[in-house]
Amino acid sequence: MYMNYDHPDEQELAGLLPGELAEAVITRRRARLLELEEEALSLIGAGGYVSPEADALADAALALALGKNVLLQGPTGSGKTKLAESLSRLFGQPLHAVNCSVDLDAEGLVGFKTLALREGKSVIDFIPGPIVNAMKRGHWLYIDEVNMAKPETPPLINGVLDHRRTITNPFTGEVVRAAEGFGVIAAVNIGYVGTVPMNEALKNRFVVVEVPYLEGARLRQLLYDQSRLKDGEQLDRFVRLSADLQEQIRSGPLAEEAGSIRAPLDACDLAAFMEPLRAVRRAIADKLEDERERALVTHLAETLF
């Protein structure tokens, strides 16, 4: 049966997914949005991701529609979180986020016990964490920088990521089974300071989508749409600066932080109200800890502005 897609998100989904699968996803999306309470609706991403490659968004959407776990892999600041939020919006799926670090443990993933007062008596309550909340509600789980976690932490969720879709709560003994609609998106920064190689058993549970830096005309359009700067000549110079920074990152003398998509957006916002060189210093150069890197960014900017 032909479906009429009036909402822009539905129209985009219809363009990303094959016909019958698109209809099924959009039907579930409509039903879900009618059922979700305000708290859950607030967890749906804002969208706005611009893909540097035509296939990145489509491939991630297809994998999720087929019930696969998706691993977004790319340099820091390339827009992995924005892509996850955009997928959340397209599917109408609340996103429960976990930001991994070397301190992340089972409590940060699953939840924790706490003392509570009930009818004048002290009792022990369990406060569910993001994994349990997402699984029980049939929402999505977003694990950011999964390769920053201690090696012993990610294996806790192997059962969540395979056909079992279950986890045994180590604090209560409850076996939690994922409700319909549950899905997992994770993100990794390859080669970033503090990261460790992903366990093969963990990585094999994902479909991998590369998320490279945004460049050229697509970056220019993003800067025009999402920043306050509308001067065409200045926007072209910021696009060239971004390309120069990425070249320096690839060749070694510059840290990946300088290539973040957030950096030119911040710089363009400031440059709408201040001199561009000063905007580059505030939004890009001064964020870097190494004095030589700050000098390099400043030098590249001086050749353009």
C-alpha atoms as a PDB file:
ATOM      1  CA  MET A   1       0.000   0.000   0.000  1.00  0.00           C
ATOM      2  CA  TYR A   2       1.339   3.442  -0.946  1.00  0.00           C
ATOM      3  CA  MET A   3       2.239   5.652   2.007  1.00  0.00           C
ATOM      4  CA  ASN A   4       2.144   9.429   1.945  1.00  0.00           C
ATOM      5  CA  TYR A   5       5.269  10.865   3.573  1.00  0.00           C
ATOM      6  CA  ASP A   6       4.416  14.386   4.704  1.00  0.00           C
ATOM      7  CA  HIS A   7       7.106  14.867   7.356  1.00  0.00           C
ATOM      8  CA  PRO A   8      10.639  15.783   6.165  1.00  0.00           C
ATOM      9  CA  ASP A   9      12.172  13.037   8.342  1.00  0.00           C
ATOM     10  CA  GLU A  10       9.863  10.465   6.755  1.00  0.00           C
ATOM     11  CA  GLN A  11      10.756  11.726   3.287  1.00  0.00           C
ATOM     12  CA  GLU A  12      14.452  11.419   4.097  1.00  0.00           C
ATOM     13  CA  LEU A  13      13.989   7.881   5.437  1.00  0.00           C
ATOM     14  CA  ALA A  14      12.094   6.938   2.284  1.00  0.00           C
ATOM     15  CA  GLY A  15      15.079   8.135   0.262  1.00  0.00           C
ATOM     16  CA  LEU A  16      17.587   6.222   2.386  1.00  0.00           C
ATOM     17  CA  LEU A  17      15.861   2.838   2.726  1.00  0.00           C
ATOM     18  CA  PRO A  18      14.369   0.435   0.159  1.00  0.00           C
ATOM     19  CA  GLY A  19      10.582   0.626  -0.265  1.00  0.00           C
ATOM     20  CA  GLU A  20       9.080  -2.051   2.004  1.00  0.00           C
ATOM     21  CA  LEU A  21      11.692  -1.575   4.694  1.00  0.00           C
ATOM     22  CA  ALA A  22      11.134   2.196   4.635  1.00  0.00           C
ATOM     23  CA  GLU A  23       7.375   1.691   5.034  1.00  0.00           C
ATOM     24  CA  ALA A  24       7.880  -0.637   8.007  1.00  0.00           C
ATOM     25  CA  VAL A  25      10.324   1.738   9.730  1.00  0.00           C
ATOM     26  CA  ILE A  26       8.108   4.778   9.150  1.00  0.00           C
ATOM     27  CA  THR A  27       5.015   2.942  10.397  1.00  0.00           C
ATOM     28  CA  ARG A  28       6.833   2.022  13.617  1.00  0.00           C
ATOM     29  CA  ARG A  29       8.174   5.574  13.870  1.00  0.00           C
ATOM     30  CA  ARG A  30       4.686   7.070  13.730  1.00  0.00           C
ATOM     31  CA  ALA A  31       3.341   4.673  16.364  1.00  0.00           C
ATOM     32  CA  ARG A  32       6.330   5.237  18.640  1.00  0.00           C
ATOM     33  CA  LEU A  33       6.085   9.028  18.567  1.00  0.00           C
ATOM     34  CA  LEU A  34       2.435   8.818  19.605  1.00  0.00           C
ATOM     35  CA  GLU A  35       3.301   6.572  22.566  1.00  0.00           C
ATOM     36  CA  LEU A  36       6.421   8.263  23.932  1.00  0.00           C
ATOM     37  CA  GLU A  37       6.167  10.426  27.017  1.00  0.00           C
ATOM     38  CA  GLU A  38       7.743  13.876  27.230  1.00  0.00           C
ATOM     39  CA  GLU A  39      10.887  12.616  28.999  1.00  0.00           C
ATOM     40  CA  ALA A  40      11.553  10.058  26.263  1.00  0.00           C
ATOM     41  CA  LEU A  41      10.810  12.556  23.493  1.00  0.00           C
ATOM     42  CA  SER A  42      13.480  14.849  24.955  1.00  0.00           C
ATOM     43  CA  LEU A  43      16.067  12.116  24.338  1.00  0.00           C
ATOM     44  CA  ILE A  44      15.503  12.112  20.573  1.00  0.00           C
ATOM     45  CA  GLY A  45      18.417  13.755  18.770  1.00  0.00           C
ATOM     46  CA  ALA A  46      18.244  17.152  17.110  1.00  0.00           C
ATOM     47  CA  GLY A  47      19.554  16.021  13.714  1.00  0.00           C
ATOM     48  CA  GLY A  48      21.540  18.281  11.415  1.00  0.00           C
ATOM     49  CA  TYR A  49      24.279  15.873  10.303  1.00  0.00           C
ATOM     50  CA  VAL A  50      25.778  16.597   6.887  1.00  0.00           C
ATOM     51  CA  SER A  51      27.447  13.530   5.383  1.00  0.00           C
ATOM     52  CA  PRO A  52      30.795  13.930   3.602  1.00  0.00           C
ATOM     53  CA  GLU A  53      30.026  10.724   1.719  1.00  0.00           C
ATOM     54  CA  ALA A  54      26.687   9.876   0.132  1.00  0.00           C
ATOM     55  CA  ASP A  55      26.674   6.351   1.570  1.00  0.00           C
ATOM     56  CA  ALA A  56      27.539   7.011   5.240  1.00  0.00           C
ATOM     57  CA  LEU A  57      24.083   8.053   6.443  1.00  0.00           C
ATOM     58  CA  ALA A  58      22.277   5.580   4.179  1.00  0.00           C
ATOM     59  CA  ASP A  59      24.421   2.621   5.235  1.00  0.00           C
ATOM     60  CA  ALA A  60      24.045   3.389   8.943  1.00  0.00           C
ATOM     61  CA  ALA A  61      20.282   3.797   8.550  1.00  0.00           C
ATOM     62  CA  LEU A  62      19.978   0.509   6.651  1.00  0.00           C
ATOM     63  CA  ALA A  63      22.011  -1.395   9.242  1.00  0.00           C
ATOM     64  CA  LEU A  64      19.870  -0.052  12.096  1.00  0.00           C
ATOM     65  CA  ALA A  65      16.652  -0.789  10.199  1.00  0.00           C
ATOM     66  CA  LEU A  66      17.843  -4.397   9.864  1.00  0.00           C
ATOM     67  CA  GLY A  67      18.500  -4.641  13.601  1.00  0.00           C
ATOM     68  CA  LYS A  68      22.300  -4.416  13.381  1.00  0.00           C
ATOM     69  CA  ASN A  69      24.601  -2.655  15.817  1.00  0.00           C
ATOM     70  CA  VAL A  70      26.443   0.249  14.174  1.00  0.00           C
ATOM     71  CA  LEU A  71      30.001   1.349  14.951  1.00  0.00           C
ATOM     72  CA  LEU A  72      30.838   4.877  13.774  1.00  0.00           C
ATOM     73  CA  GLN A  73      34.578   5.069  13.185  1.00  0.00           C
ATOM     74  CA  GLY A  74      36.483   8.249  12.427  1.00  0.00           C
ATOM     75  CA  PRO A  75      38.742  11.031  13.709  1.00  0.00           C
ATOM     76  CA  THR A  76      37.744  13.174  16.651  1.00  0.00           C
ATOM     77  CA  GLY A  77      35.386  15.988  15.724  1.00  0.00           C
ATOM     78  CA  SER A  78      34.277  14.382  12.444  1.00  0.00           C
ATOM     79  CA  GLY A  79      30.615  14.411  13.489  1.00  0.00           C
ATOM     80  CA  LYS A  80      30.031  10.899  14.836  1.00  0.00           C
ATOM     81  CA  THR A  81      27.799  12.054  17.680  1.00  0.00           C
ATOM     82  CA  LYS A  82      25.894  14.366  15.341  1.00  0.00           C
ATOM     83  CA  LEU A  83      25.341  11.401  12.999  1.00  0.00           C
ATOM     84  CA  ALA A  84      24.014   9.285  15.882  1.00  0.00           C
ATOM     85  CA  GLU A  85      21.666  12.102  16.907  1.00  0.00           C
ATOM     86  CA  SER A  86      20.460  12.508  13.323  1.00  0.00           C
ATOM     87  CA  LEU A  87      19.705   8.783  13.065  1.00  0.00           C
ATOM     88  CA  SER A  88      17.825   9.044  16.366  1.00  0.00           C
ATOM     89  CA  ARG A  89      15.696  11.834  14.930  1.00  0.00           C
ATOM     90  CA  LEU A  90      15.037  10.053  11.632  1.00  0.00           C
ATOM     91  CA  PHE A  91      13.872   6.873  13.380  1.00  0.00           C
ATOM     92  CA  GLY A  92      12.107   8.712  16.201  1.00  0.00           C
ATOM     93  CA  GLN A  93      14.187   6.747  18.703  1.00  0.00           C
ATOM     94  CA  PRO A  94      15.238   8.139  22.107  1.00  0.00           C
ATOM     95  CA  LEU A  95      19.016   7.935  22.574  1.00  0.00           C
ATOM     96  CA  HIS A  96      20.529   6.954  25.935  1.00  0.00           C
ATOM     97  CA  ALA A  97      24.178   8.032  25.901  1.00  0.00           C
ATOM     98  CA  VAL A  98      27.217   6.583  27.653  1.00  0.00           C
ATOM     99  CA  ASN A  99      30.475   8.547  27.447  1.00  0.00           C
ATOM    100  CA  CYS A 100      33.275   6.061  28.010  1.00  0.00           C
ATOM    101  CA  SER A 101      36.426   6.800  29.967  1.00  0.00           C
ATOM    102  CA  VAL A 102      39.085   4.846  31.821  1.00  0.00           C
ATOM    103  CA  ASP A 103      36.914   5.230  34.942  1.00  0.00           C
ATOM    104  CA  LEU A 104      33.781   3.697  33.405  1.00  0.00           C
ATOM    105  CA  ASP A 105      32.656   0.606  35.286  1.00  0.00           C
ATOM    106  CA  ALA A 106      29.604  -1.650  35.582  1.00  0.00           C
ATOM    107  CA  GLU A 107      27.728   0.946  37.649  1.00  0.00           C
ATOM    108  CA  GLY A 108      28.153   3.546  34.909  1.00  0.00           C
ATOM    109  CA  LEU A 109      26.685   1.148  32.354  1.00  0.00           C
ATOM    110  CA  VAL A 110      24.116  -0.924  34.223  1.00  0.00           C
ATOM    111  CA  GLY A 111      23.183   1.182  37.266  1.00  0.00           C
ATOM    112  CA  PHE A 112      23.816   1.259  40.989  1.00  0.00           C
ATOM    113  CA  LYS A 113      22.286   0.538  44.366  1.00  0.00           C
ATOM    114  CA  THR A 114      21.391   3.311  46.794  1.00  0.00           C
ATOM    115  CA  LEU A 115      19.668   3.744  50.139  1.00  0.00           C
ATOM    116  CA  ALA A 116      16.140   5.139  50.067  1.00  0.00           C
ATOM    117  CA  LEU A 117      13.504   5.896  52.684  1.00  0.00           C
ATOM    118  CA  ARG A 118      10.167   4.133  52.196  1.00  0.00           C
ATOM    119  CA  GLU A 119       7.351   4.165  54.778  1.00  0.00           C
ATOM    120  CA  GLY A 120       9.817   5.306  57.411  1.00  0.00           C
ATOM    121  CA  LYS A 121      12.251   2.475  56.727  1.00  0.00           C
ATOM    122  CA  SER A 122      15.581   2.428  54.961  1.00  0.00           C
ATOM    123  CA  VAL A 123      15.555   0.210  51.885  1.00  0.00           C
ATOM    124  CA  ILE A 124      17.995  -0.503  49.098  1.00  0.00           C
ATOM    125  CA  ASP A 125      16.866   0.673  45.677  1.00  0.00           C
ATOM    126  CA  PHE A 126      18.446  -0.019  42.326  1.00  0.00           C
ATOM    127  CA  ILE A 127      18.819   2.990  40.019  1.00  0.00           C
ATOM    128  CA  PRO A 128      19.002   1.715  36.433  1.00  0.00           C
ATOM    129  CA  GLY A 129      21.758   2.980  34.166  1.00  0.00           C
ATOM    130  CA  PRO A 130      21.588   3.804  30.459  1.00  0.00           C
ATOM    131  CA  ILE A 131      21.867   0.202  29.220  1.00  0.00           C
ATOM    132  CA  VAL A 132      19.014  -1.076  31.379  1.00  0.00           C
ATOM    133  CA  ASN A 133      16.834   1.951  30.604  1.00  0.00           C
ATOM    134  CA  ALA A 134      17.378   1.642  26.859  1.00  0.00           C
ATOM    135  CA  MET A 135      16.816  -2.125  26.808  1.00  0.00           C
ATOM    136  CA  LYS A 136      13.648  -2.155  28.883  1.00  0.00           C
ATOM    137  CA  ARG A 137      12.075   0.717  26.960  1.00  0.00           C
ATOM    138  CA  GLY A 138      13.090  -0.427  23.479  1.00  0.00           C
ATOM    139  CA  HIS A 139      15.145   2.732  22.931  1.00  0.00           C
ATOM    140  CA  TRP A 140      18.625   3.146  21.435  1.00  0.00           C
ATOM    141  CA  LEU A 141      21.919   3.082  23.325  1.00  0.00           C
ATOM    142  CA  TYR A 142      24.782   5.341  22.191  1.00  0.00           C
ATOM    143  CA  ILE A 143      28.250   4.400  23.491  1.00  0.00           C
ATOM    144  CA  ASP A 144      30.681   7.206  22.732  1.00  0.00           C
ATOM    145  CA  GLU A 145      34.443   6.583  22.589  1.00  0.00           C
ATOM    146  CA  VAL A 146      33.964   2.897  23.390  1.00  0.00           C
ATOM    147  CA  ASN A 147      37.699   2.276  22.906  1.00  0.00           C
ATOM    148  CA  MET A 148      38.495   4.660  25.787  1.00  0.00           C
ATOM    149  CA  ALA A 149      37.002   2.238  28.336  1.00  0.00           C
ATOM    150  CA  LYS A 150      39.082  -0.189  30.388  1.00  0.00           C
ATOM    151  CA  PRO A 151      39.511  -3.486  28.478  1.00  0.00           C
ATOM    152  CA  GLU A 152      37.473  -5.375  31.087  1.00  0.00           C
ATOM    153  CA  THR A 153      34.438  -3.081  30.796  1.00  0.00           C
ATOM    154  CA  PRO A 154      33.063  -3.522  27.219  1.00  0.00           C
ATOM    155  CA  PRO A 155      32.832  -7.353  27.467  1.00  0.00           C
ATOM    156  CA  LEU A 156      30.121  -6.805  30.089  1.00  0.00           C
ATOM    157  CA  ILE A 157      27.752  -5.994  27.237  1.00  0.00           C
ATOM    158  CA  ASN A 158      28.671  -8.744  24.754  1.00  0.00           C
ATOM    159  CA  GLY A 159      25.308 -10.409  25.361  1.00  0.00           C
ATOM    160  CA  VAL A 160      23.547  -7.107  24.697  1.00  0.00           C
ATOM    161  CA  LEU A 161      25.182  -6.872  21.293  1.00  0.00           C
ATOM    162  CA  ASP A 162      24.579 -10.374  19.934  1.00  0.00           C
ATOM    163  CA  HIS A 163      21.447 -12.406  19.164  1.00  0.00           C
ATOM    164  CA  ARG A 164      20.682 -12.861  22.879  1.00  0.00           C
ATOM    165  CA  ARG A 165      19.998  -9.156  23.464  1.00  0.00           C
ATOM    166  CA  THR A 166      20.248  -9.787  27.220  1.00  0.00           C
ATOM    167  CA  ILE A 167      22.375  -8.761  30.172  1.00  0.00           C
ATOM    168  CA  THR A 168      22.475 -10.173  33.685  1.00  0.00           C
ATOM    169  CA  ASN A 169      22.428  -7.308  36.146  1.00  0.00           C
ATOM    170  CA  PRO A 170      25.468  -7.946  38.384  1.00  0.00           C
ATOM    171  CA  PHE A 171      23.876  -6.004  41.247  1.00  0.00           C
ATOM    172  CA  THR A 172      20.407  -7.598  41.323  1.00  0.00           C
ATOM    173  CA  GLY A 173      20.762 -10.853  39.407  1.00  0.00           C
ATOM    174  CA  GLU A 174      17.921  -9.840  37.083  1.00  0.00           C
ATOM    175  CA  VAL A 175      18.198 -10.992  33.479  1.00  0.00           C
ATOM    176  CA  VAL A 176      17.271  -7.943  31.405  1.00  0.00           C
ATOM    177  CA  ARG A 177      15.919  -8.668  27.916  1.00  0.00           C
ATOM    178  CA  ALA A 178      15.755  -5.973  25.278  1.00  0.00           C
ATOM    179  CA  ALA A 179      12.294  -4.778  24.281  1.00  0.00           C
ATOM    180  CA  GLU A 180      11.379  -4.481  20.619  1.00  0.00           C
ATOM    181  CA  GLY A 181      13.073  -1.528  18.930  1.00  0.00           C
ATOM    182  CA  PHE A 182      16.250  -1.614  21.037  1.00  0.00           C
ATOM    183  CA  GLY A 183      19.404  -0.786  19.080  1.00  0.00           C
ATOM    184  CA  VAL A 184      23.027   0.137  19.685  1.00  0.00           C
ATOM    185  CA  ILE A 185      25.263   2.777  18.098  1.00  0.00           C
ATOM    186  CA  ALA A 186      28.872   3.116  19.246  1.00  0.00           C
ATOM    187  CA  ALA A 187      31.643   5.495  18.216  1.00  0.00           C
ATOM    188  CA  VAL A 188      35.429   5.205  18.229  1.00  0.00           C
ATOM    189  CA  ASN A 189      38.296   7.617  17.615  1.00  0.00           C
ATOM    190  CA  ILE A 190      41.052   5.596  15.940  1.00  0.00           C
ATOM    191  CA  GLY A 191      44.589   6.359  17.114  1.00  0.00           C
ATOM    192  CA  TYR A 192      43.487   9.043  19.581  1.00  0.00           C
ATOM    193  CA  VAL A 193      45.477   9.518  22.780  1.00  0.00           C
ATOM    194  CA  GLY A 194      44.076   7.318  25.563  1.00  0.00           C
ATOM    195  CA  THR A 195      42.330   4.836  23.280  1.00  0.00           C
ATOM    196  CA  VAL A 196      43.011   1.098  23.213  1.00  0.00           C
ATOM    197  CA  PRO A 197      42.449  -1.375  20.352  1.00  0.00           C
ATOM    198  CA  MET A 198      38.920  -2.757  20.346  1.00  0.00           C
ATOM    199  CA  ASN A 199      38.517  -6.365  21.388  1.00  0.00           C
ATOM    200  CA  GLU A 200      37.830  -8.401  18.216  1.00  0.00           C
ATOM    201  CA  ALA A 201      34.897 -10.210  19.839  1.00  0.00           C
ATOM    202  CA  LEU A 202      33.348  -6.805  20.536  1.00  0.00           C
ATOM    203  CA  LYS A 203      34.083  -5.267  17.141  1.00  0.00           C
ATOM    204  CA  ASN A 204      32.677  -8.306  15.309  1.00  0.00           C
ATOM    205  CA  ARG A 205      29.268  -7.520  16.787  1.00  0.00           C
ATOM    206  CA  PHE A 206      29.049  -4.274  14.789  1.00  0.00           C
ATOM    207  CA  VAL A 207      28.602  -3.080  11.246  1.00  0.00           C
ATOM    208  CA  VAL A 208      31.318  -0.433  10.759  1.00  0.00           C
ATOM    209  CA  VAL A 209      30.584   2.923   9.087  1.00  0.00           C
ATOM    210  CA  GLU A 210      33.494   5.273   8.428  1.00  0.00           C
ATOM    211  CA  VAL A 211      32.845   8.930   9.297  1.00  0.00           C
ATOM    212  CA  PRO A 212      35.517  11.136   7.680  1.00  0.00           C
ATOM    213  CA  TYR A 213      35.961  14.877   7.999  1.00  0.00           C
ATOM    214  CA  LEU A 214      33.611  17.124   6.070  1.00  0.00           C
ATOM    215  CA  GLU A 215      35.323  19.023   3.250  1.00  0.00           C
ATOM    216  CA  GLY A 216      34.758  21.281   0.254  1.00  0.00           C
ATOM    217  CA  ALA A 217      31.289  22.312  -0.875  1.00  0.00           C
ATOM    218  CA  ARG A 218      29.508  20.256   1.781  1.00  0.00           C
ATOM    219  CA  LEU A 219      31.506  21.939   4.547  1.00  0.00           C
ATOM    220  CA  ARG A 220      30.805  25.360   3.050  1.00  0.00           C
ATOM    221  CA  GLN A 221      27.074  24.642   2.995  1.00  0.00           C
ATOM    222  CA  LEU A 222      27.180  23.465   6.604  1.00  0.00           C
ATOM    223  CA  LEU A 223      29.029  26.600   7.714  1.00  0.00           C
ATOM    224  CA  TYR A 224      26.512  28.775   5.877  1.00  0.00           C
ATOM    225  CA  ASP A 225      23.491  26.921   7.293  1.00  0.00           C
ATOM    226  CA  GLN A 226      24.656  26.469  10.883  1.00  0.00           C
ATOM    227  CA  SER A 227      26.836  29.498  11.646  1.00  0.00           C
ATOM    228  CA  ARG A 228      26.150  33.225  11.802  1.00  0.00           C
ATOM    229  CA  LEU A 229      28.683  34.041   9.083  1.00  0.00           C
ATOM    230  CA  LYS A 230      27.062  34.675   5.664  1.00  0.00           C
ATOM    231  CA  ASP A 231      29.907  36.405   3.823  1.00  0.00           C
ATOM    232  CA  GLY A 232      30.661  34.117   0.860  1.00  0.00           C
ATOM    233  CA  GLU A 233      34.315  35.090   0.511  1.00  0.00           C
ATOM    234  CA  GLN A 234      35.006  34.574   4.204  1.00  0.00           C
ATOM    235  CA  LEU A 235      33.236  31.218   4.165  1.00  0.00           C
ATOM    236  CA  ASP A 236      35.435  30.102   1.254  1.00  0.00           C
ATOM    237  CA  ARG A 237      38.530  31.064   3.265  1.00  0.00           C
ATOM    238  CA  PHE A 238      37.371  29.087   6.299  1.00  0.00           C
ATOM    239  CA  VAL A 239      36.811  26.056   4.045  1.00  0.00           C
ATOM    240  CA  ARG A 240      40.377  26.408   2.721  1.00  0.00           C
ATOM    241  CA  LEU A 241      41.679  26.811   6.274  1.00  0.00           C
ATOM    242  CA  SER A 242      39.888  23.606   7.279  1.00  0.00           C
ATOM    243  CA  ALA A 243      41.481  21.773   4.337  1.00  0.00           C
ATOM    244  CA  ASP A 244      44.930  23.088   5.316  1.00  0.00           C
ATOM    245  CA  LEU A 245      44.420  21.998   8.930  1.00  0.00           C
ATOM    246  CA  GLN A 246      43.359  18.518   7.880  1.00  0.00           C
ATOM    247  CA  GLU A 247      46.408  18.198   5.636  1.00  0.00           C
ATOM    248  CA  GLN A 248      48.638  19.084   8.586  1.00  0.00           C
ATOM    249  CA  ILE A 249      46.803  16.533  10.739  1.00  0.00           C
ATOM    250  CA  ARG A 250      47.350  13.810   8.132  1.00  0.00           C
ATOM    251  CA  SER A 251      51.041  14.634   7.778  1.00  0.00           C
ATOM    252  CA  GLY A 252      51.636  14.650  11.535  1.00  0.00           C
ATOM    253  CA  PRO A 253      52.502  18.041  13.020  1.00  0.00           C
ATOM    254  CA  LEU A 254      48.967  18.903  14.163  1.00  0.00           C
ATOM    255  CA  ALA A 255      46.675  17.168  16.654  1.00  0.00           C
ATOM    256  CA  GLU A 256      43.253  15.906  15.573  1.00  0.00           C
ATOM    257  CA  GLU A 257      41.457  18.405  17.832  1.00  0.00           C
ATOM    258  CA  ALA A 258      42.291  21.126  15.309  1.00  0.00           C
ATOM    259  CA  GLY A 259      40.269  19.344  12.627  1.00  0.00           C
ATOM    260  CA  SER A 260      37.022  19.066  14.584  1.00  0.00           C
ATOM    261  CA  ILE A 261      33.940  20.205  12.665  1.00  0.00           C
ATOM    262  CA  ARG A 262      33.020  22.223  15.754  1.00  0.00           C
ATOM    263  CA  ALA A 263      36.143  24.376  15.333  1.00  0.00           C
ATOM    264  CA  PRO A 264      35.252  26.114  12.030  1.00  0.00           C
ATOM    265  CA  LEU A 265      31.633  26.461  13.154  1.00  0.00           C
ATOM    266  CA  ASP A 266      32.741  28.284  16.305  1.00  0.00           C
ATOM    267  CA  ALA A 267      35.242  30.371  14.338  1.00  0.00           C
ATOM    268  CA  CYS A 268      32.618  31.378  11.773  1.00  0.00           C
ATOM    269  CA  ASP A 269      30.176  32.390  14.501  1.00  0.00           C
ATOM    270  CA  LEU A 270      32.826  34.625  16.046  1.00  0.00           C
ATOM    271  CA  ALA A 271      34.003  35.944  12.664  1.00  0.00           C
ATOM    272  CA  ALA A 272      30.534  37.319  12.009  1.00  0.00           C
ATOM    273  CA  PHE A 273      31.297  39.850  14.782  1.00  0.00           C
ATOM    274  CA  MET A 274      35.090  40.069  15.031  1.00  0.00           C
ATOM    275  CA  GLU A 275      38.207  40.052  12.884  1.00  0.00           C
ATOM    276  CA  PRO A 276      38.673  36.511  11.370  1.00  0.00           C
ATOM    277  CA  LEU A 277      42.224  35.998  12.634  1.00  0.00           C
ATOM    278  CA  ARG A 278      41.123  36.682  16.193  1.00  0.00           C
ATOM    279  CA  ALA A 279      38.189  34.306  15.705  1.00  0.00           C
ATOM    280  CA  VAL A 280      40.579  31.557  14.579  1.00  0.00           C
ATOM    281  CA  ARG A 281      42.782  32.108  17.616  1.00  0.00           C
ATOM    282  CA  ARG A 282      39.850  31.912  20.037  1.00  0.00           C
ATOM    283  CA  ALA A 283      38.000  29.002  18.394  1.00  0.00           C
ATOM    284  CA  ILE A 284      40.896  26.847  17.170  1.00  0.00           C
ATOM    285  CA  ALA A 285      44.475  27.831  18.054  1.00  0.00           C
ATOM    286  CA  ASP A 286      44.033  28.633  21.744  1.00  0.00           C
ATOM    287  CA  LYS A 287      42.379  25.256  22.370  1.00  0.00           C
ATOM    288  CA  LEU A 288      45.624  23.461  21.556  1.00  0.00           C
ATOM    289  CA  GLU A 289      48.082  22.780  24.368  1.00  0.00           C
ATOM    290  CA  ASP A 290      51.252  22.615  22.268  1.00  0.00           C
ATOM    291  CA  GLU A 291      52.717  26.054  21.529  1.00  0.00           C
ATOM    292  CA  ARG A 292      54.098  24.897  18.168  1.00  0.00           C
ATOM    293  CA  GLU A 293      50.653  23.692  17.099  1.00  0.00           C
ATOM    294  CA  ARG A 294      49.103  27.014  18.095  1.00  0.00           C
ATOM    295  CA  ALA A 295      51.749  28.836  16.047  1.00  0.00           C
ATOM    296  CA  LEU A 296      51.118  26.568  13.048  1.00  0.00           C
ATOM    297  CA  VAL A 297      47.355  27.202  13.096  1.00  0.00           C
ATOM    298  CA  THR A 298      47.949  30.943  13.407  1.00  0.00           C
ATOM    299  CA  HIS A 299      50.405  30.887  10.497  1.00  0.00           C
ATOM    300  CA  LEU A 300      47.974  28.998   8.253  1.00  0.00           C
ATOM    301  CA  ALA A 301      45.213  31.453   9.121  1.00  0.00           C
ATOM    302  CA  GLU A 302      47.468  34.440   8.383  1.00  0.00           C
ATOM    303  CA  THR A 303      47.987  33.175   4.818  1.00  0.00           C
ATOM    304  CA  LEU A 304      44.226  33.372   4.219  1.00  0.00           C
ATOM    305  CA  PHE A 305      42.893  36.301   6.241  1.00  0.00           C
END
